[in-house]
Amino acid sequence: QVQPVESGGGLVQAGGSLRLSCAASGRSFSSYSMGWFRQAPGKEREFVAGLSWNGERILDADSVRGRFTISRDYAKNTVYLQMSSLKPEDTADYYCVADLLNPFHSDSLAITTSHFKDFGSWGQGTQVTVSS
């Protein structure tokens, strides 16, 4: 089982960019679908973006579409979240999750999100703060 470890968080001004990394230790990284979630203070954890194990399926939340891009490097066992045009409302702890059981078996964002939450292996999170 892979164990995700996030990095790259920090403080950035509104309109700026930041790239988060998620290094997944363990075997069979290429078999895992990967996702990014975020949790702002006082709010529930929400889905940001997800990428299937073979890279063929990508889902992202309406709130980040066109601004955030998820990608993966199989050679480095790493998933990235490139964030651009950041807004103060993007401020949150960002979590990486690895799911071996194919959360993309459905076209439903809700089902994919629930699958990650129910079956995924989670990192400890990295904090992103966007100042106005």
C-alpha atoms as a PDB file:
ATOM      1  CA  GLN A   1       0.000   0.000   0.000  1.00  0.00           C
ATOM      2  CA  VAL A   2       1.311   3.427  -0.922  1.00  0.00           C
ATOM      3  CA  GLN A   3       1.616   6.206   1.622  1.00  0.00           C
ATOM      4  CA  PRO A   4       1.198   9.721   0.206  1.00  0.00           C
ATOM      5  CA  VAL A   5       3.341  12.583   1.486  1.00  0.00           C
ATOM      6  CA  GLU A   6       2.408  16.108   0.428  1.00  0.00           C
ATOM      7  CA  SER A   7       4.715  19.106   0.039  1.00  0.00           C
ATOM      8  CA  GLY A   8       4.793  22.502  -1.616  1.00  0.00           C
ATOM      9  CA  GLY A   9       2.254  24.414   0.433  1.00  0.00           C
ATOM     10  CA  GLY A  10       2.857  27.952   1.626  1.00  0.00           C
ATOM     11  CA  LEU A  11       1.732  31.554   1.553  1.00  0.00           C
ATOM     12  CA  VAL A  12       0.984  33.190  -1.788  1.00  0.00           C
ATOM     13  CA  GLN A  13      -0.729  36.362  -2.904  1.00  0.00           C
ATOM     14  CA  ALA A  14      -4.027  36.285  -4.751  1.00  0.00           C
ATOM     15  CA  GLY A  15      -3.454  35.755  -8.447  1.00  0.00           C
ATOM     16  CA  GLY A  16      -0.274  33.820  -7.816  1.00  0.00           C
ATOM     17  CA  SER A  17       0.657  30.205  -8.468  1.00  0.00           C
ATOM     18  CA  LEU A  18       1.799  27.259  -6.412  1.00  0.00           C
ATOM     19  CA  ARG A  19       2.601  23.642  -7.197  1.00  0.00           C
ATOM     20  CA  LEU A  20       1.840  20.919  -4.699  1.00  0.00           C
ATOM     21  CA  SER A  21       3.599  17.572  -4.847  1.00  0.00           C
ATOM     22  CA  CYS A  22       2.531  14.220  -3.495  1.00  0.00           C
ATOM     23  CA  ALA A  23       5.200  11.554  -3.269  1.00  0.00           C
ATOM     24  CA  ALA A  24       3.759   8.089  -2.860  1.00  0.00           C
ATOM     25  CA  SER A  25       6.073   5.637  -1.191  1.00  0.00           C
ATOM     26  CA  GLY A  26       5.470   1.940  -1.676  1.00  0.00           C
ATOM     27  CA  ARG A  27       5.039  -0.414  -4.554  1.00  0.00           C
ATOM     28  CA  SER A  28       2.654  -0.319  -7.457  1.00  0.00           C
ATOM     29  CA  PHE A  29       2.184   3.445  -7.622  1.00  0.00           C
ATOM     30  CA  SER A  30       1.094   3.058 -11.232  1.00  0.00           C
ATOM     31  CA  SER A  31      -1.879   0.974 -10.087  1.00  0.00           C
ATOM     32  CA  TYR A  32      -3.302   3.719  -7.892  1.00  0.00           C
ATOM     33  CA  SER A  33      -5.708   6.444  -8.846  1.00  0.00           C
ATOM     34  CA  MET A  34      -4.733   9.668  -7.130  1.00  0.00           C
ATOM     35  CA  GLY A  35      -6.690  12.621  -5.884  1.00  0.00           C
ATOM     36  CA  TRP A  36      -6.416  15.972  -4.172  1.00  0.00           C
ATOM     37  CA  PHE A  37      -8.881  17.198  -1.566  1.00  0.00           C
ATOM     38  CA  ARG A  38      -8.882  20.315   0.552  1.00  0.00           C
ATOM     39  CA  GLN A  39     -10.361  21.353   3.862  1.00  0.00           C
ATOM     40  CA  ALA A  40     -10.811  24.935   4.955  1.00  0.00           C
ATOM     41  CA  PRO A  41     -11.304  25.821   8.644  1.00  0.00           C
ATOM     42  CA  GLY A  42     -14.797  24.949   9.754  1.00  0.00           C
ATOM     43  CA  LYS A  43     -15.685  23.251   6.483  1.00  0.00           C
ATOM     44  CA  GLU A  44     -15.899  19.703   5.246  1.00  0.00           C
ATOM     45  CA  ARG A  45     -13.169  18.148   3.179  1.00  0.00           C
ATOM     46  CA  GLU A  46     -13.938  18.670  -0.483  1.00  0.00           C
ATOM     47  CA  PHE A  47     -12.738  17.107  -3.708  1.00  0.00           C
ATOM     48  CA  VAL A  48     -10.412  19.207  -5.834  1.00  0.00           C
ATOM     49  CA  ALA A  49      -9.104  16.964  -8.618  1.00  0.00           C
ATOM     50  CA  GLY A  50      -8.491  13.308  -9.391  1.00  0.00           C
ATOM     51  CA  LEU A  51      -6.498  11.310 -11.918  1.00  0.00           C
ATOM     52  CA  SER A  52      -7.013   7.653 -12.783  1.00  0.00           C
ATOM     53  CA  TRP A  53      -4.315   5.030 -12.408  1.00  0.00           C
ATOM     54  CA  ASN A  54      -3.620   5.037 -16.183  1.00  0.00           C
ATOM     55  CA  GLY A  55      -3.918   8.794 -16.597  1.00  0.00           C
ATOM     56  CA  GLU A  56      -6.928   8.496 -18.905  1.00  0.00           C
ATOM     57  CA  ARG A  57      -9.562   9.930 -16.582  1.00  0.00           C
ATOM     58  CA  ILE A  58      -9.389  13.326 -14.945  1.00  0.00           C
ATOM     59  CA  LEU A  59     -12.026  14.955 -12.809  1.00  0.00           C
ATOM     60  CA  ASP A  60     -11.913  18.363 -11.201  1.00  0.00           C
ATOM     61  CA  ALA A  61     -14.243  20.498  -9.156  1.00  0.00           C
ATOM     62  CA  ASP A  62     -16.124  23.368 -10.747  1.00  0.00           C
ATOM     63  CA  SER A  63     -14.464  25.774  -8.339  1.00  0.00           C
ATOM     64  CA  VAL A  64     -10.970  25.049  -9.663  1.00  0.00           C
ATOM     65  CA  ARG A  65     -11.591  24.156 -13.296  1.00  0.00           C
ATOM     66  CA  GLY A  66      -9.364  26.126 -15.613  1.00  0.00           C
ATOM     67  CA  ARG A  67      -7.094  27.164 -12.747  1.00  0.00           C
ATOM     68  CA  PHE A  68      -5.794  23.901 -11.256  1.00  0.00           C
ATOM     69  CA  THR A  69      -4.196  20.998 -13.121  1.00  0.00           C
ATOM     70  CA  ILE A  70      -3.490  17.537 -11.780  1.00  0.00           C
ATOM     71  CA  SER A  71      -0.740  15.416 -13.288  1.00  0.00           C
ATOM     72  CA  ARG A  72       1.467  12.485 -12.378  1.00  0.00           C
ATOM     73  CA  ASP A  73       5.017  11.340 -13.008  1.00  0.00           C
ATOM     74  CA  TYR A  74       5.211   7.544 -12.913  1.00  0.00           C
ATOM     75  CA  ALA A  75       9.006   7.528 -12.858  1.00  0.00           C
ATOM     76  CA  LYS A  76       9.039   9.680  -9.731  1.00  0.00           C
ATOM     77  CA  ASN A  77       5.971   8.122  -8.066  1.00  0.00           C
ATOM     78  CA  THR A  78       4.651  11.634  -7.688  1.00  0.00           C
ATOM     79  CA  VAL A  79       1.390  13.452  -8.335  1.00  0.00           C
ATOM     80  CA  TYR A  80       1.256  17.202  -8.778  1.00  0.00           C
ATOM     81  CA  LEU A  81      -1.388  19.865  -8.384  1.00  0.00           C
ATOM     82  CA  GLN A  82      -0.480  22.993 -10.303  1.00  0.00           C
ATOM     83  CA  MET A  83      -2.527  25.879  -8.964  1.00  0.00           C
ATOM     84  CA  SER A  84      -2.800  29.182 -10.793  1.00  0.00           C
ATOM     85  CA  SER A  85      -4.882  32.338 -10.421  1.00  0.00           C
ATOM     86  CA  LEU A  86      -5.197  31.556  -6.752  1.00  0.00           C
ATOM     87  CA  LYS A  87      -7.972  33.166  -4.739  1.00  0.00           C
ATOM     88  CA  PRO A  88      -8.312  33.732  -0.991  1.00  0.00           C
ATOM     89  CA  GLU A  89     -11.093  31.136  -0.972  1.00  0.00           C
ATOM     90  CA  ASP A  90      -8.534  28.529  -2.058  1.00  0.00           C
ATOM     91  CA  THR A  91      -6.986  28.800   1.395  1.00  0.00           C
ATOM     92  CA  ALA A  92      -7.124  25.349   2.989  1.00  0.00           C
ATOM     93  CA  ASP A  93      -5.182  22.294   4.002  1.00  0.00           C
ATOM     94  CA  TYR A  94      -4.635  20.202   0.890  1.00  0.00           C
ATOM     95  CA  TYR A  95      -4.591  16.427   1.107  1.00  0.00           C
ATOM     96  CA  CYS A  96      -3.399  13.799  -1.322  1.00  0.00           C
ATOM     97  CA  VAL A  97      -5.165  10.433  -1.483  1.00  0.00           C
ATOM     98  CA  ALA A  98      -4.269   7.169  -3.198  1.00  0.00           C
ATOM     99  CA  ASP A  99      -6.982   4.685  -4.153  1.00  0.00           C
ATOM    100  CA  LEU A 100      -6.216   1.223  -5.521  1.00  0.00           C
ATOM    101  CA  LEU A 101      -9.825   0.190  -6.149  1.00  0.00           C
ATOM    102  CA  ASN A 102     -10.546   2.394  -9.179  1.00  0.00           C
ATOM    103  CA  PRO A 103     -12.719   5.311  -8.050  1.00  0.00           C
ATOM    104  CA  PHE A 104     -13.286   6.159 -11.709  1.00  0.00           C
ATOM    105  CA  HIS A 105     -15.525   3.176 -12.463  1.00  0.00           C
ATOM    106  CA  SER A 106     -18.401   5.667 -12.577  1.00  0.00           C
ATOM    107  CA  ASP A 107     -18.841   8.971 -14.394  1.00  0.00           C
ATOM    108  CA  SER A 108     -20.345  10.451 -11.259  1.00  0.00           C
ATOM    109  CA  LEU A 109     -18.200  12.978  -9.434  1.00  0.00           C
ATOM    110  CA  ALA A 110     -20.100  12.205  -6.231  1.00  0.00           C
ATOM    111  CA  ILE A 111     -19.364   8.481  -6.498  1.00  0.00           C
ATOM    112  CA  THR A 112     -15.707   9.105  -7.293  1.00  0.00           C
ATOM    113  CA  THR A 113     -15.400  11.464  -4.338  1.00  0.00           C
ATOM    114  CA  SER A 114     -17.033   8.985  -1.969  1.00  0.00           C
ATOM    115  CA  HIS A 115     -14.815   6.191  -3.244  1.00  0.00           C
ATOM    116  CA  PHE A 116     -11.665   8.162  -2.508  1.00  0.00           C
ATOM    117  CA  LYS A 117     -12.972   8.985   0.963  1.00  0.00           C
ATOM    118  CA  ASP A 118     -13.994   5.405   1.765  1.00  0.00           C
ATOM    119  CA  PHE A 119     -11.088   3.457   0.311  1.00  0.00           C
ATOM    120  CA  GLY A 120      -8.189   5.859  -0.068  1.00  0.00           C
ATOM    121  CA  SER A 121      -4.929   6.135   1.785  1.00  0.00           C
ATOM    122  CA  TRP A 122      -4.408   9.740   2.928  1.00  0.00           C
ATOM    123  CA  GLY A 123      -1.420  11.967   3.453  1.00  0.00           C
ATOM    124  CA  GLN A 124      -0.993  14.380   6.354  1.00  0.00           C
ATOM    125  CA  GLY A 125      -1.770  17.457   4.306  1.00  0.00           C
ATOM    126  CA  THR A 126      -0.005  20.663   3.357  1.00  0.00           C
ATOM    127  CA  GLN A 127      -1.279  24.138   4.138  1.00  0.00           C
ATOM    128  CA  VAL A 128      -1.997  26.706   1.447  1.00  0.00           C
ATOM    129  CA  THR A 129      -2.760  30.295   2.376  1.00  0.00           C
ATOM    130  CA  VAL A 130      -3.768  32.848  -0.235  1.00  0.00           C
ATOM    131  CA  SER A 131      -3.641  36.448   0.882  1.00  0.00           C
ATOM    132  CA  SER A 132      -5.803  39.138  -0.666  1.00  0.00           C
END
